[in-house]
Amino acid sequence: MTENNGPSAPTPVEAFVKAINDADTDAFVALFAPDGLVDDWGTFYRGRDRVRDWAGSDAIGAGARMTLLDVSTEGAVTTVRFDWRSRVFTGQSTGIFTLGDAGIESFVIPPSH
């Protein structure tokens, strides 16, 4: 369980939250498959180098703190509602994780409507 004290999530999702909250970029990037993807409102970061870029600009480098509020898992897909606090964005969002044998295949933050 991560320090967020929120609902339980699959281990890679828990580790994702922990790496962000611990400001551990190397651990964060290592969670992703080699061709893993972050899709942040339609801006795509594919591959570990680009995931590292996103972590530096929008997450860990922006002082992010993430708390899981709700978790739902069906097969390889986990959808979370989370609270996010950073210098870039503060508020609640939905995140969709697709997990695979090589790590997180994708983390998608769809645009809010």
N, C-alpha and C. Protein backbone atom coordinates (compact mmCIF):
# COMPACT_ATOMS: atom_id res chain seq x y z
N MET A 1 0.84 -1.19 0.00
CA MET A 1 0.00 0.00 0.00
C MET A 1 0.88 1.24 0.00
N THR A 2 0.53 2.21 -0.80
CA THR A 2 1.30 3.44 -0.83
C THR A 2 0.93 4.32 0.35
N GLU A 3 1.69 5.37 0.53
CA GLU A 3 1.44 6.29 1.62
C GLU A 3 0.19 7.12 1.40
N ASN A 4 -0.49 6.95 0.26
CA ASN A 4 -1.65 7.78 -0.01
C ASN A 4 -2.86 7.41 0.85
N ASN A 5 -2.83 6.27 1.51
CA ASN A 5 -3.91 5.80 2.37
C ASN A 5 -5.25 5.72 1.66
N GLY A 6 -5.22 5.69 0.35
CA GLY A 6 -6.44 5.57 -0.45
C GLY A 6 -6.75 4.12 -0.71
N PRO A 7 -7.62 3.87 -1.68
CA PRO A 7 -8.00 2.49 -2.00
C PRO A 7 -6.82 1.71 -2.56
N SER A 8 -6.89 0.39 -2.41
CA SER A 8 -5.84 -0.49 -2.91
C SER A 8 -5.88 -0.57 -4.43
N ALA A 9 -4.69 -0.65 -5.03
CA ALA A 9 -4.56 -0.73 -6.48
C ALA A 9 -3.54 -1.81 -6.81
N PRO A 10 -3.49 -2.26 -8.07
CA PRO A 10 -2.44 -3.22 -8.46
C PRO A 10 -1.06 -2.67 -8.12
N THR A 11 -0.14 -3.57 -7.84
CA THR A 11 1.20 -3.19 -7.40
C THR A 11 1.87 -2.15 -8.30
N PRO A 12 1.85 -2.27 -9.64
CA PRO A 12 2.52 -1.24 -10.45
C PRO A 12 1.90 0.15 -10.28
N VAL A 13 0.59 0.21 -10.06
CA VAL A 13 -0.07 1.50 -9.85
C VAL A 13 0.33 2.07 -8.49
N GLU A 14 0.36 1.24 -7.49
CA GLU A 14 0.83 1.66 -6.16
C GLU A 14 2.27 2.18 -6.24
N ALA A 15 3.11 1.47 -6.99
CA ALA A 15 4.52 1.88 -7.13
C ALA A 15 4.63 3.19 -7.89
N PHE A 16 3.76 3.42 -8.87
CA PHE A 16 3.71 4.67 -9.63
C PHE A 16 3.45 5.84 -8.68
N VAL A 17 2.43 5.70 -7.83
CA VAL A 17 2.09 6.75 -6.88
C VAL A 17 3.24 6.98 -5.90
N LYS A 18 3.81 5.90 -5.41
CA LYS A 18 4.92 6.01 -4.46
C LYS A 18 6.12 6.72 -5.09
N ALA A 19 6.46 6.37 -6.33
CA ALA A 19 7.61 7.01 -7.00
C ALA A 19 7.37 8.50 -7.17
N ILE A 20 6.15 8.88 -7.53
CA ILE A 20 5.85 10.31 -7.65
C ILE A 20 5.97 10.99 -6.30
N ASN A 21 5.33 10.44 -5.29
CA ASN A 21 5.33 11.07 -3.97
C ASN A 21 6.70 11.07 -3.32
N ASP A 22 7.55 10.10 -3.67
CA ASP A 22 8.93 10.05 -3.16
C ASP A 22 9.90 10.85 -4.02
N ALA A 23 9.40 11.44 -5.11
CA ALA A 23 10.24 12.19 -6.06
C ALA A 23 11.40 11.33 -6.57
N ASP A 24 11.08 10.08 -6.92
CA ASP A 24 12.08 9.12 -7.38
C ASP A 24 11.90 8.87 -8.89
N THR A 25 12.53 9.71 -9.68
CA THR A 25 12.37 9.64 -11.13
C THR A 25 12.85 8.32 -11.70
N ASP A 26 13.98 7.81 -11.23
CA ASP A 26 14.49 6.53 -11.76
C ASP A 26 13.51 5.39 -11.50
N ALA A 27 12.96 5.33 -10.29
CA ALA A 27 11.98 4.28 -9.97
C ALA A 27 10.73 4.46 -10.82
N PHE A 28 10.31 5.69 -11.03
CA PHE A 28 9.13 5.99 -11.84
C PHE A 28 9.32 5.48 -13.27
N VAL A 29 10.41 5.86 -13.89
CA VAL A 29 10.67 5.48 -15.29
C VAL A 29 10.79 3.97 -15.41
N ALA A 30 11.42 3.32 -14.44
CA ALA A 30 11.62 1.86 -14.49
C ALA A 30 10.30 1.09 -14.45
N LEU A 31 9.23 1.71 -14.00
CA LEU A 31 7.93 1.03 -13.95
C LEU A 31 7.33 0.82 -15.33
N PHE A 32 7.77 1.60 -16.31
CA PHE A 32 7.19 1.56 -17.65
C PHE A 32 7.86 0.51 -18.53
N ALA A 33 7.08 -0.09 -19.40
CA ALA A 33 7.63 -0.95 -20.45
C ALA A 33 8.56 -0.09 -21.31
N PRO A 34 9.53 -0.71 -21.99
CA PRO A 34 10.47 0.08 -22.81
C PRO A 34 9.78 1.03 -23.79
N ASP A 35 8.63 0.63 -24.34
CA ASP A 35 7.91 1.50 -25.27
C ASP A 35 6.65 2.08 -24.61
N GLY A 36 6.68 2.16 -23.27
CA GLY A 36 5.54 2.65 -22.52
C GLY A 36 5.15 4.07 -22.91
N LEU A 37 3.91 4.42 -22.61
CA LEU A 37 3.34 5.68 -23.06
C LEU A 37 2.70 6.43 -21.91
N VAL A 38 2.96 7.73 -21.85
CA VAL A 38 2.15 8.65 -21.06
C VAL A 38 1.40 9.51 -22.06
N ASP A 39 0.08 9.54 -21.93
CA ASP A 39 -0.78 10.39 -22.76
C ASP A 39 -1.45 11.37 -21.80
N ASP A 40 -0.96 12.58 -21.78
CA ASP A 40 -1.44 13.62 -20.87
C ASP A 40 -2.28 14.61 -21.68
N TRP A 41 -3.60 14.41 -21.66
CA TRP A 41 -4.53 15.27 -22.39
C TRP A 41 -4.21 15.33 -23.87
N GLY A 42 -3.77 14.23 -24.45
CA GLY A 42 -3.49 14.18 -25.88
C GLY A 42 -2.06 14.52 -26.26
N THR A 43 -1.22 14.81 -25.29
CA THR A 43 0.21 14.99 -25.55
C THR A 43 0.88 13.67 -25.20
N PHE A 44 1.56 13.08 -26.18
CA PHE A 44 2.09 11.73 -26.04
C PHE A 44 3.58 11.73 -25.73
N TYR A 45 3.96 10.89 -24.78
CA TYR A 45 5.36 10.68 -24.38
C TYR A 45 5.59 9.17 -24.45
N ARG A 46 6.20 8.70 -25.53
CA ARG A 46 6.40 7.27 -25.73
C ARG A 46 7.86 6.90 -25.54
N GLY A 47 8.09 5.82 -24.80
CA GLY A 47 9.43 5.34 -24.51
C GLY A 47 9.94 5.93 -23.20
N ARG A 48 10.85 5.24 -22.58
CA ARG A 48 11.31 5.64 -21.24
C ARG A 48 11.96 7.02 -21.22
N ASP A 49 12.68 7.40 -22.26
CA ASP A 49 13.29 8.73 -22.27
C ASP A 49 12.22 9.81 -22.27
N ARG A 50 11.17 9.62 -23.04
CA ARG A 50 10.08 10.61 -23.09
C ARG A 50 9.24 10.57 -21.81
N VAL A 51 9.07 9.38 -21.21
CA VAL A 51 8.39 9.28 -19.92
C VAL A 51 9.18 10.06 -18.88
N ARG A 52 10.50 9.95 -18.94
CA ARG A 52 11.37 10.73 -18.03
C ARG A 52 11.15 12.23 -18.25
N ASP A 53 11.02 12.64 -19.50
CA ASP A 53 10.75 14.05 -19.80
C ASP A 53 9.46 14.51 -19.13
N TRP A 54 8.40 13.69 -19.26
CA TRP A 54 7.12 14.04 -18.64
C TRP A 54 7.26 14.12 -17.12
N ALA A 55 7.95 13.16 -16.54
CA ALA A 55 8.15 13.16 -15.09
C ALA A 55 8.86 14.45 -14.66
N GLY A 56 9.81 14.89 -15.47
CA GLY A 56 10.57 16.10 -15.12
C GLY A 56 9.78 17.37 -15.28
N SER A 57 8.90 17.42 -16.28
CA SER A 57 8.19 18.67 -16.55
C SER A 57 6.83 18.76 -15.85
N ASP A 58 6.11 17.65 -15.77
CA ASP A 58 4.73 17.70 -15.30
C ASP A 58 4.47 16.97 -14.00
N ALA A 59 5.39 16.18 -13.53
CA ALA A 59 5.13 15.36 -12.34
C ALA A 59 6.19 15.63 -11.27
N ILE A 60 7.19 14.80 -11.21
CA ILE A 60 8.19 14.88 -10.15
C ILE A 60 8.91 16.22 -10.16
N GLY A 61 9.28 16.69 -11.34
CA GLY A 61 9.95 17.99 -11.44
C GLY A 61 9.07 19.16 -11.08
N ALA A 62 7.77 18.95 -11.05
CA ALA A 62 6.81 20.00 -10.68
C ALA A 62 6.35 19.85 -9.23
N GLY A 63 7.04 18.99 -8.47
CA GLY A 63 6.70 18.81 -7.06
C GLY A 63 5.37 18.11 -6.82
N ALA A 64 4.99 17.20 -7.71
CA ALA A 64 3.67 16.56 -7.64
C ALA A 64 3.52 15.69 -6.41
N ARG A 65 2.27 15.67 -5.93
CA ARG A 65 1.82 14.76 -4.89
C ARG A 65 0.54 14.14 -5.42
N MET A 66 0.43 12.82 -5.36
CA MET A 66 -0.70 12.10 -5.94
C MET A 66 -1.37 11.26 -4.85
N THR A 67 -2.69 11.33 -4.80
CA THR A 67 -3.48 10.53 -3.87
C THR A 67 -4.58 9.82 -4.64
N LEU A 68 -4.64 8.52 -4.52
CA LEU A 68 -5.71 7.76 -5.17
C LEU A 68 -7.01 7.94 -4.39
N LEU A 69 -8.08 8.22 -5.11
CA LEU A 69 -9.40 8.40 -4.50
C LEU A 69 -10.33 7.24 -4.78
N ASP A 70 -10.20 6.64 -5.97
CA ASP A 70 -11.05 5.54 -6.39
C ASP A 70 -10.27 4.68 -7.37
N VAL A 71 -10.44 3.37 -7.29
CA VAL A 71 -9.71 2.43 -8.15
C VAL A 71 -10.67 1.37 -8.66
N SER A 72 -10.60 1.09 -9.96
CA SER A 72 -11.39 0.03 -10.57
C SER A 72 -10.50 -0.72 -11.56
N THR A 73 -10.45 -2.04 -11.45
CA THR A 73 -9.59 -2.84 -12.32
C THR A 73 -10.42 -3.89 -13.04
N GLU A 74 -10.22 -3.96 -14.36
CA GLU A 74 -10.78 -5.02 -15.19
C GLU A 74 -9.67 -5.54 -16.08
N GLY A 75 -9.24 -6.76 -15.82
CA GLY A 75 -8.15 -7.34 -16.60
C GLY A 75 -6.88 -6.51 -16.43
N ALA A 76 -6.29 -6.12 -17.54
CA ALA A 76 -5.04 -5.37 -17.53
C ALA A 76 -5.23 -3.86 -17.38
N VAL A 77 -6.47 -3.42 -17.31
CA VAL A 77 -6.76 -1.98 -17.26
C VAL A 77 -7.25 -1.58 -15.87
N THR A 78 -6.56 -0.60 -15.30
CA THR A 78 -6.96 -0.03 -14.02
C THR A 78 -7.28 1.44 -14.23
N THR A 79 -8.47 1.83 -13.84
CA THR A 79 -8.89 3.22 -13.92
C THR A 79 -8.93 3.79 -12.51
N VAL A 80 -8.31 4.94 -12.35
CA VAL A 80 -8.27 5.58 -11.04
C VAL A 80 -8.82 7.00 -11.14
N ARG A 81 -9.37 7.45 -10.06
CA ARG A 81 -9.66 8.86 -9.85
C ARG A 81 -8.63 9.29 -8.83
N PHE A 82 -7.95 10.41 -9.10
CA PHE A 82 -6.88 10.81 -8.20
C PHE A 82 -6.87 12.31 -7.98
N ASP A 83 -6.31 12.68 -6.83
CA ASP A 83 -6.06 14.08 -6.52
C ASP A 83 -4.59 14.34 -6.81
N TRP A 84 -4.31 15.46 -7.45
CA TRP A 84 -2.96 15.81 -7.90
C TRP A 84 -2.67 17.23 -7.44
N ARG A 85 -1.53 17.42 -6.82
CA ARG A 85 -1.09 18.74 -6.38
C ARG A 85 0.32 18.98 -6.93
N SER A 86 0.49 20.01 -7.74
CA SER A 86 1.81 20.34 -8.27
C SER A 86 1.84 21.80 -8.70
N ARG A 87 3.00 22.25 -9.15
CA ARG A 87 3.13 23.60 -9.68
C ARG A 87 2.52 23.73 -11.07
N VAL A 88 2.21 22.61 -11.73
CA VAL A 88 1.64 22.63 -13.08
C VAL A 88 0.12 22.51 -13.04
N PHE A 89 -0.40 21.62 -12.20
CA PHE A 89 -1.83 21.36 -12.13
C PHE A 89 -2.19 20.96 -10.72
N THR A 90 -3.33 21.44 -10.25
CA THR A 90 -3.86 21.01 -8.96
C THR A 90 -5.34 20.73 -9.16
N GLY A 91 -5.76 19.54 -8.77
CA GLY A 91 -7.16 19.16 -8.89
C GLY A 91 -7.30 17.67 -9.00
N GLN A 92 -8.50 17.23 -9.34
CA GLN A 92 -8.78 15.81 -9.50
C GLN A 92 -8.85 15.45 -10.97
N SER A 93 -8.39 14.25 -11.28
CA SER A 93 -8.40 13.75 -12.65
C SER A 93 -8.67 12.25 -12.65
N THR A 94 -8.90 11.75 -13.84
CA THR A 94 -8.99 10.31 -14.08
C THR A 94 -7.71 9.86 -14.75
N GLY A 95 -7.22 8.70 -14.37
CA GLY A 95 -6.06 8.10 -15.01
C GLY A 95 -6.38 6.66 -15.39
N ILE A 96 -5.94 6.26 -16.56
CA ILE A 96 -6.19 4.91 -17.04
C ILE A 96 -4.84 4.23 -17.28
N PHE A 97 -4.57 3.19 -16.51
CA PHE A 97 -3.34 2.42 -16.63
C PHE A 97 -3.62 1.15 -17.41
N THR A 98 -2.77 0.83 -18.36
CA THR A 98 -2.77 -0.48 -18.98
C THR A 98 -1.47 -1.16 -18.57
N LEU A 99 -1.59 -2.32 -17.92
CA LEU A 99 -0.43 -3.02 -17.37
C LEU A 99 -0.12 -4.24 -18.22
N GLY A 100 1.18 -4.51 -18.37
CA GLY A 100 1.62 -5.67 -19.12
C GLY A 100 2.77 -6.35 -18.43
N ASP A 101 3.25 -7.43 -19.02
CA ASP A 101 4.36 -8.19 -18.42
C ASP A 101 5.64 -7.36 -18.32
N ALA A 102 5.85 -6.42 -19.22
CA ALA A 102 7.08 -5.61 -19.23
C ALA A 102 6.95 -4.34 -18.39
N GLY A 103 5.78 -4.12 -17.80
CA GLY A 103 5.58 -2.94 -16.97
C GLY A 103 4.34 -2.18 -17.40
N ILE A 104 4.28 -0.92 -17.01
CA ILE A 104 3.14 -0.09 -17.40
C ILE A 104 3.24 0.16 -18.89
N GLU A 105 2.24 -0.28 -19.63
CA GLU A 105 2.22 -0.06 -21.09
C GLU A 105 1.74 1.35 -21.41
N SER A 106 0.77 1.83 -20.62
CA SER A 106 0.32 3.21 -20.84
C SER A 106 -0.32 3.76 -19.58
N PHE A 107 -0.20 5.08 -19.45
CA PHE A 107 -0.90 5.86 -18.44
C PHE A 107 -1.53 7.02 -19.19
N VAL A 108 -2.85 7.04 -19.21
CA VAL A 108 -3.59 8.02 -19.98
C VAL A 108 -4.38 8.91 -19.03
N ILE A 109 -4.21 10.23 -19.19
CA ILE A 109 -5.04 11.21 -18.49
C ILE A 109 -5.89 11.85 -19.58
N PRO A 110 -7.15 11.41 -19.67
CA PRO A 110 -8.00 11.96 -20.74
C PRO A 110 -8.40 13.40 -20.40
N PRO A 111 -8.65 14.20 -21.44
CA PRO A 111 -9.10 15.57 -21.20
C PRO A 111 -10.40 15.60 -20.39
N SER A 112 -10.52 16.54 -19.48
CA SER A 112 -11.75 16.69 -18.71
C SER A 112 -12.82 17.31 -19.57
N HIS A 113 -14.03 16.95 -19.30
CA HIS A 113 -15.17 17.52 -20.04
C HIS A 113 -16.06 18.27 -19.10
